[in-house]
């Protein structure tokens, strides 16, 4: 398919000082990056896991600890890492009562992520988790059948830009209108899967349409 493109998902890092007030900003950065990566479906899971791993550092290592969030792809899984300099305070999966107000952090990560663990290095520890996506390749795209249909349509459109004249009946026009609605919906899914803003694209398309009509 001529419009099928690989999605560039380069690893990135965000250094900061562990503090409950930093979590909201970190969540915003995660949301922005994952939308650009076309991974909107795992934004909430990634935000939750990162928040809990950072809270773990804040609680058990201390406020103000130099911390780094690292995000990358591990095959078709999204990998979230939190680095901190304390190799003694290890996160553990605890059994907590339903009414407990604390201690649920790693239980939440364990429930949301496919797997998690701790890597001890000479100067720091890395607490990581991996979240499943619907990708079939690390540089592929998600979106399922809708995106596949949209790419097929874009391929055909690129191969034949000039439509053939015809005289359709009212019934065929109504059916074509319904099909066009589905095509537009599929294209919006394709844009979203490739990290684009469907609303912005619709606005631009409307501007092109109105300019061409007025001309």
C-alpha atoms as a PDB file:
ATOM      1  CA  UNK A   1       0.000   0.000   0.000  1.00  0.00           C
ATOM      2  CA  UNK A   2       1.546   3.269  -1.078  1.00  0.00           C
ATOM      3  CA  UNK A   3       0.210   5.182   1.941  1.00  0.00           C
ATOM      4  CA  UNK A   4       1.214   2.675   4.589  1.00  0.00           C
ATOM      5  CA  UNK A   5       4.016   4.274   6.589  1.00  0.00           C
ATOM      6  CA  UNK A   6       6.239   3.257   9.441  1.00  0.00           C
ATOM      7  CA  UNK A   7       5.692   5.157  12.658  1.00  0.00           C
ATOM      8  CA  UNK A   8       8.864   6.629  14.132  1.00  0.00           C
ATOM      9  CA  UNK A   9       8.867   5.859  17.858  1.00  0.00           C
ATOM     10  CA  UNK A  10      12.261   6.909  19.170  1.00  0.00           C
ATOM     11  CA  UNK A  11      12.940   6.353  22.902  1.00  0.00           C
ATOM     12  CA  UNK A  12      12.768   9.483  25.029  1.00  0.00           C
ATOM     13  CA  UNK A  13      13.591  10.460  28.598  1.00  0.00           C
ATOM     14  CA  UNK A  14      12.341  13.080  31.040  1.00  0.00           C
ATOM     15  CA  UNK A  15      14.508  13.938  34.072  1.00  0.00           C
ATOM     16  CA  UNK A  16      12.831  15.610  37.075  1.00  0.00           C
ATOM     17  CA  UNK A  17      12.841  15.699  40.866  1.00  0.00           C
ATOM     18  CA  UNK A  18      10.397  13.279  42.500  1.00  0.00           C
ATOM     19  CA  UNK A  19       7.496  15.240  43.917  1.00  0.00           C
ATOM     20  CA  UNK A  20       3.715  14.657  43.948  1.00  0.00           C
ATOM     21  CA  UNK A  21       3.315  18.020  42.223  1.00  0.00           C
ATOM     22  CA  UNK A  22       5.344  16.801  39.239  1.00  0.00           C
ATOM     23  CA  UNK A  23       3.043  13.897  38.400  1.00  0.00           C
ATOM     24  CA  UNK A  24       0.428  15.972  36.556  1.00  0.00           C
ATOM     25  CA  UNK A  25       3.103  17.419  34.269  1.00  0.00           C
ATOM     26  CA  UNK A  26       4.575  13.986  33.614  1.00  0.00           C
ATOM     27  CA  UNK A  27       1.134  12.634  32.705  1.00  0.00           C
ATOM     28  CA  UNK A  28       0.662  15.477  30.211  1.00  0.00           C
ATOM     29  CA  UNK A  29       4.020  14.732  28.579  1.00  0.00           C
ATOM     30  CA  UNK A  30       3.119  11.047  28.295  1.00  0.00           C
ATOM     31  CA  UNK A  31      -0.224  11.853  26.706  1.00  0.00           C
ATOM     32  CA  UNK A  32       1.370  14.181  24.147  1.00  0.00           C
ATOM     33  CA  UNK A  33       4.087  11.701  23.145  1.00  0.00           C
ATOM     34  CA  UNK A  34       1.793   8.693  22.902  1.00  0.00           C
ATOM     35  CA  UNK A  35      -0.693  10.582  20.765  1.00  0.00           C
ATOM     36  CA  UNK A  36       2.145  11.478  18.405  1.00  0.00           C
ATOM     37  CA  UNK A  37       3.094   7.803  18.407  1.00  0.00           C
ATOM     38  CA  UNK A  38      -0.465   6.808  17.468  1.00  0.00           C
ATOM     39  CA  UNK A  39      -0.910   4.915  20.750  1.00  0.00           C
ATOM     40  CA  UNK A  40      -3.947   6.728  22.122  1.00  0.00           C
ATOM     41  CA  UNK A  41      -5.472   3.483  23.383  1.00  0.00           C
ATOM     42  CA  UNK A  42      -2.731   2.982  26.001  1.00  0.00           C
ATOM     43  CA  UNK A  43      -2.428   6.581  27.228  1.00  0.00           C
ATOM     44  CA  UNK A  44      -4.415   6.005  30.428  1.00  0.00           C
ATOM     45  CA  UNK A  45      -2.590   2.781  31.275  1.00  0.00           C
ATOM     46  CA  UNK A  46       0.798   4.432  30.695  1.00  0.00           C
ATOM     47  CA  UNK A  47      -0.158   7.441  32.806  1.00  0.00           C
ATOM     48  CA  UNK A  48      -1.337   5.224  35.648  1.00  0.00           C
ATOM     49  CA  UNK A  49       1.795   3.072  35.643  1.00  0.00           C
ATOM     50  CA  UNK A  50       4.141   6.057  35.464  1.00  0.00           C
ATOM     51  CA  UNK A  51       2.236   7.834  38.239  1.00  0.00           C
ATOM     52  CA  UNK A  52       2.459   4.823  40.546  1.00  0.00           C
ATOM     53  CA  UNK A  53       6.155   4.218  39.850  1.00  0.00           C
ATOM     54  CA  UNK A  54       6.949   7.870  40.525  1.00  0.00           C
ATOM     55  CA  UNK A  55       4.825   7.871  43.675  1.00  0.00           C
ATOM     56  CA  UNK A  56       6.801   4.840  44.808  1.00  0.00           C
ATOM     57  CA  UNK A  57      10.032   6.825  44.530  1.00  0.00           C
ATOM     58  CA  UNK A  58       8.518   9.805  46.335  1.00  0.00           C
ATOM     59  CA  UNK A  59       7.203   7.659  49.193  1.00  0.00           C
ATOM     60  CA  UNK A  60      10.065   5.222  49.712  1.00  0.00           C
ATOM     61  CA  UNK A  61      13.124   7.176  48.541  1.00  0.00           C
ATOM     62  CA  UNK A  62      12.086  10.742  49.225  1.00  0.00           C
ATOM     63  CA  UNK A  63      10.763  13.998  47.802  1.00  0.00           C
ATOM     64  CA  UNK A  64      13.397  15.742  45.705  1.00  0.00           C
ATOM     65  CA  UNK A  65      15.072  12.529  44.537  1.00  0.00           C
ATOM     66  CA  UNK A  66      16.597  12.903  41.044  1.00  0.00           C
ATOM     67  CA  UNK A  67      14.352  10.735  38.896  1.00  0.00           C
ATOM     68  CA  UNK A  68      14.111   9.959  35.194  1.00  0.00           C
ATOM     69  CA  UNK A  69      11.152   8.691  33.206  1.00  0.00           C
ATOM     70  CA  UNK A  70      12.174   6.711  30.114  1.00  0.00           C
ATOM     71  CA  UNK A  71       9.663   5.582  27.490  1.00  0.00           C
ATOM     72  CA  UNK A  72      10.415   3.267  24.584  1.00  0.00           C
ATOM     73  CA  UNK A  73       9.071   0.363  22.566  1.00  0.00           C
ATOM     74  CA  UNK A  74       9.947  -3.201  23.535  1.00  0.00           C
ATOM     75  CA  UNK A  75       8.800  -5.067  20.461  1.00  0.00           C
ATOM     76  CA  UNK A  76       5.101  -4.240  20.227  1.00  0.00           C
ATOM     77  CA  UNK A  77       4.900  -3.389  23.945  1.00  0.00           C
ATOM     78  CA  UNK A  78       5.165   0.106  25.381  1.00  0.00           C
ATOM     79  CA  UNK A  79       7.931   0.165  27.990  1.00  0.00           C
ATOM     80  CA  UNK A  80       7.790   2.596  30.923  1.00  0.00           C
ATOM     81  CA  UNK A  81      10.890   2.984  33.111  1.00  0.00           C
ATOM     82  CA  UNK A  82      11.476   5.084  36.210  1.00  0.00           C
ATOM     83  CA  UNK A  83      15.132   5.522  37.258  1.00  0.00           C
ATOM     84  CA  UNK A  84      16.214   6.617  40.736  1.00  0.00           C
ATOM     85  CA  UNK A  85      19.571   6.438  42.595  1.00  0.00           C
ATOM     86  CA  UNK A  86      18.483   4.286  45.584  1.00  0.00           C
ATOM     87  CA  UNK A  87      19.258   0.599  44.993  1.00  0.00           C
ATOM     88  CA  UNK A  88      17.997  -0.444  48.447  1.00  0.00           C
ATOM     89  CA  UNK A  89      14.350   0.661  48.420  1.00  0.00           C
ATOM     90  CA  UNK A  90      12.874  -1.996  46.126  1.00  0.00           C
ATOM     91  CA  UNK A  91       9.217  -1.926  45.061  1.00  0.00           C
ATOM     92  CA  UNK A  92       7.200  -4.943  46.177  1.00  0.00           C
ATOM     93  CA  UNK A  93       3.808  -6.345  45.305  1.00  0.00           C
ATOM     94  CA  UNK A  94       1.790  -6.318  48.524  1.00  0.00           C
ATOM     95  CA  UNK A  95      -1.539  -7.808  49.494  1.00  0.00           C
ATOM     96  CA  UNK A  96      -3.655  -4.945  50.827  1.00  0.00           C
ATOM     97  CA  UNK A  97      -7.117  -4.754  52.324  1.00  0.00           C
ATOM     98  CA  UNK A  98      -9.915  -3.258  50.259  1.00  0.00           C
ATOM     99  CA  UNK A  99     -10.149  -0.366  52.727  1.00  0.00           C
ATOM    100  CA  UNK A 100      -6.403   0.390  52.770  1.00  0.00           C
ATOM    101  CA  UNK A 101      -5.492   3.884  51.600  1.00  0.00           C
ATOM    102  CA  UNK A 102      -1.881   3.063  50.658  1.00  0.00           C
ATOM    103  CA  UNK A 103       0.143   0.139  49.362  1.00  0.00           C
ATOM    104  CA  UNK A 104      -1.803  -0.384  46.156  1.00  0.00           C
ATOM    105  CA  UNK A 105       0.757   1.136  43.781  1.00  0.00           C
ATOM    106  CA  UNK A 106       2.480  -1.958  42.439  1.00  0.00           C
ATOM    107  CA  UNK A 107      -0.782  -3.904  42.579  1.00  0.00           C
ATOM    108  CA  UNK A 108      -2.231  -1.386  40.107  1.00  0.00           C
ATOM    109  CA  UNK A 109       0.845  -1.631  37.890  1.00  0.00           C
ATOM    110  CA  UNK A 110       0.639  -5.420  38.056  1.00  0.00           C
ATOM    111  CA  UNK A 111      -3.018  -5.302  37.015  1.00  0.00           C
ATOM    112  CA  UNK A 112      -2.537  -2.905  34.098  1.00  0.00           C
ATOM    113  CA  UNK A 113       0.851  -3.924  32.684  1.00  0.00           C
ATOM    114  CA  UNK A 114       1.668  -7.169  30.939  1.00  0.00           C
ATOM    115  CA  UNK A 115       4.827  -7.507  33.046  1.00  0.00           C
ATOM    116  CA  UNK A 116       7.050  -5.464  35.352  1.00  0.00           C
ATOM    117  CA  UNK A 117      10.316  -5.752  37.208  1.00  0.00           C
ATOM    118  CA  UNK A 118      13.331  -4.046  38.776  1.00  0.00           C
ATOM    119  CA  UNK A 119      16.839  -3.792  37.326  1.00  0.00           C
ATOM    120  CA  UNK A 120      19.700  -2.905  39.669  1.00  0.00           C
ATOM    121  CA  UNK A 121      22.636  -1.022  38.157  1.00  0.00           C
ATOM    122  CA  UNK A 122      25.803   0.294  39.806  1.00  0.00           C
ATOM    123  CA  UNK A 123      24.474   3.817  40.229  1.00  0.00           C
ATOM    124  CA  UNK A 124      20.699   3.420  40.164  1.00  0.00           C
ATOM    125  CA  UNK A 125      17.716   1.142  39.988  1.00  0.00           C
ATOM    126  CA  UNK A 126      15.276   0.935  37.118  1.00  0.00           C
ATOM    127  CA  UNK A 127      11.688  -0.003  37.837  1.00  0.00           C
ATOM    128  CA  UNK A 128       9.981  -0.890  34.590  1.00  0.00           C
ATOM    129  CA  UNK A 129       6.737  -2.200  33.165  1.00  0.00           C
ATOM    130  CA  UNK A 130       5.545  -3.125  29.692  1.00  0.00           C
ATOM    131  CA  UNK A 131       2.049  -2.448  28.395  1.00  0.00           C
ATOM    132  CA  UNK A 132       0.482  -4.398  25.543  1.00  0.00           C
ATOM    133  CA  UNK A 133      -0.583  -2.487  22.421  1.00  0.00           C
ATOM    134  CA  UNK A 134      -2.550  -3.587  19.367  1.00  0.00           C
ATOM    135  CA  UNK A 135       0.488  -3.147  17.108  1.00  0.00           C
ATOM    136  CA  UNK A 136       1.657  -5.973  14.880  1.00  0.00           C
ATOM    137  CA  UNK A 137       5.128  -4.397  14.478  1.00  0.00           C
ATOM    138  CA  UNK A 138       7.112  -1.922  16.635  1.00  0.00           C
ATOM    139  CA  UNK A 139       7.034   0.698  13.866  1.00  0.00           C
ATOM    140  CA  UNK A 140       3.562  -0.218  12.639  1.00  0.00           C
ATOM    141  CA  UNK A 141       0.259   1.394  13.453  1.00  0.00           C
ATOM    142  CA  UNK A 142      -2.810   0.424  15.411  1.00  0.00           C
ATOM    143  CA  UNK A 143      -6.444   1.005  14.611  1.00  0.00           C
ATOM    144  CA  UNK A 144      -7.536  -2.371  13.278  1.00  0.00           C
ATOM    145  CA  UNK A 145      -9.758  -2.932  10.258  1.00  0.00           C
ATOM    146  CA  UNK A 146     -10.809   0.709   9.901  1.00  0.00           C
ATOM    147  CA  UNK A 147      -7.247   1.901   9.395  1.00  0.00           C
ATOM    148  CA  UNK A 148      -6.562  -0.951   6.971  1.00  0.00           C
ATOM    149  CA  UNK A 149      -9.621   0.023   4.912  1.00  0.00           C
ATOM    150  CA  UNK A 150      -8.578   3.670   4.922  1.00  0.00           C
ATOM    151  CA  UNK A 151      -5.113   2.781   3.648  1.00  0.00           C
ATOM    152  CA  UNK A 152      -6.619   0.681   0.879  1.00  0.00           C
ATOM    153  CA  UNK A 153      -8.810   3.628  -0.113  1.00  0.00           C
ATOM    154  CA  UNK A 154      -5.884   6.051  -0.045  1.00  0.00           C
ATOM    155  CA  UNK A 155      -3.920   3.682  -2.264  1.00  0.00           C
ATOM    156  CA  UNK A 156      -6.734   3.579  -4.814  1.00  0.00           C
ATOM    157  CA  UNK A 157      -7.192   7.326  -4.612  1.00  0.00           C
ATOM    158  CA  UNK A 158      -3.504   7.892  -5.254  1.00  0.00           C
ATOM    159  CA  UNK A 159      -3.609   5.573  -8.260  1.00  0.00           C
ATOM    160  CA  UNK A 160      -6.698   7.139  -9.848  1.00  0.00           C
ATOM    161  CA  UNK A 161      -7.222  10.832  -9.095  1.00  0.00           C
ATOM    162  CA  UNK A 162      -9.690  11.453 -11.966  1.00  0.00           C
ATOM    163  CA  UNK A 163     -13.195  10.017 -11.428  1.00  0.00           C
ATOM    164  CA  UNK A 164     -15.175   8.721 -14.370  1.00  0.00           C
ATOM    165  CA  UNK A 165     -18.361  10.673 -15.220  1.00  0.00           C
ATOM    166  CA  UNK A 166     -21.618   8.866 -14.573  1.00  0.00           C
ATOM    167  CA  UNK A 167     -25.324   9.502 -14.108  1.00  0.00           C
ATOM    168  CA  UNK A 168     -26.256   7.775 -10.847  1.00  0.00           C
ATOM    169  CA  UNK A 169     -29.822   7.250  -9.714  1.00  0.00           C
ATOM    170  CA  UNK A 170     -31.219   8.743  -6.501  1.00  0.00           C
ATOM    171  CA  UNK A 171     -30.916   5.349  -4.836  1.00  0.00           C
ATOM    172  CA  UNK A 172     -27.275   4.955  -5.809  1.00  0.00           C
ATOM    173  CA  UNK A 173     -26.563   8.511  -4.654  1.00  0.00           C
ATOM    174  CA  UNK A 174     -28.068   7.738  -1.233  1.00  0.00           C
ATOM    175  CA  UNK A 175     -26.014   4.562  -0.963  1.00  0.00           C
ATOM    176  CA  UNK A 176     -22.909   6.398  -2.058  1.00  0.00           C
ATOM    177  CA  UNK A 177     -23.536   9.073   0.570  1.00  0.00           C
ATOM    178  CA  UNK A 178     -23.754   6.407   3.269  1.00  0.00           C
ATOM    179  CA  UNK A 179     -20.554   4.819   1.968  1.00  0.00           C
ATOM    180  CA  UNK A 180     -18.859   8.237   1.988  1.00  0.00           C
ATOM    181  CA  UNK A 181     -19.756   8.656   5.655  1.00  0.00           C
ATOM    182  CA  UNK A 182     -18.073   5.339   6.444  1.00  0.00           C
ATOM    183  CA  UNK A 183     -15.050   6.327   4.346  1.00  0.00           C
ATOM    184  CA  UNK A 184     -14.682   9.606   6.229  1.00  0.00           C
ATOM    185  CA  UNK A 185     -14.949   7.783   9.563  1.00  0.00           C
ATOM    186  CA  UNK A 186     -12.287   5.283   8.467  1.00  0.00           C
ATOM    187  CA  UNK A 187      -9.987   8.109   7.378  1.00  0.00           C
ATOM    188  CA  UNK A 188     -10.399   9.817  10.744  1.00  0.00           C
ATOM    189  CA  UNK A 189      -9.384   6.558  12.433  1.00  0.00           C
ATOM    190  CA  UNK A 190      -6.361   6.378  10.103  1.00  0.00           C
ATOM    191  CA  UNK A 191      -5.308   9.903  11.053  1.00  0.00           C
ATOM    192  CA  UNK A 192      -5.679   9.151  14.758  1.00  0.00           C
ATOM    193  CA  UNK A 193      -3.655   5.934  14.404  1.00  0.00           C
ATOM    194  CA  UNK A 194      -0.843   7.955  12.835  1.00  0.00           C
ATOM    195  CA  UNK A 195      -0.772  10.521  15.618  1.00  0.00           C
ATOM    196  CA  UNK A 196      -2.683  13.245  13.740  1.00  0.00           C
ATOM    197  CA  UNK A 197      -5.540  15.401  15.001  1.00  0.00           C
ATOM    198  CA  UNK A 198      -8.756  14.394  13.160  1.00  0.00           C
ATOM    199  CA  UNK A 199     -10.548  17.619  14.141  1.00  0.00           C
ATOM    200  CA  UNK A 200      -7.757  19.781  12.754  1.00  0.00           C
ATOM    201  CA  UNK A 201      -7.745  17.785   9.516  1.00  0.00           C
ATOM    202  CA  UNK A 202     -11.526  18.131   9.175  1.00  0.00           C
ATOM    203  CA  UNK A 203     -11.209  21.887   9.619  1.00  0.00           C
ATOM    204  CA  UNK A 204      -8.517  22.060   6.936  1.00  0.00           C
ATOM    205  CA  UNK A 205     -10.566  19.895   4.558  1.00  0.00           C
ATOM    206  CA  UNK A 206     -13.607  22.126   5.108  1.00  0.00           C
ATOM    207  CA  UNK A 207     -11.505  25.206   4.324  1.00  0.00           C
ATOM    208  CA  UNK A 208     -10.254  23.597   1.091  1.00  0.00           C
ATOM    209  CA  UNK A 209     -13.789  22.595   0.136  1.00  0.00           C
ATOM    210  CA  UNK A 210     -15.263  26.059   0.754  1.00  0.00           C
ATOM    211  CA  UNK A 211     -12.424  27.756  -1.111  1.00  0.00           C
ATOM    212  CA  UNK A 212     -12.913  25.488  -4.132  1.00  0.00           C
ATOM    213  CA  UNK A 213     -16.690  25.930  -4.109  1.00  0.00           C
ATOM    214  CA  UNK A 214     -16.466  29.733  -3.895  1.00  0.00           C
ATOM    215  CA  UNK A 215     -13.970  29.741  -6.769  1.00  0.00           C
END
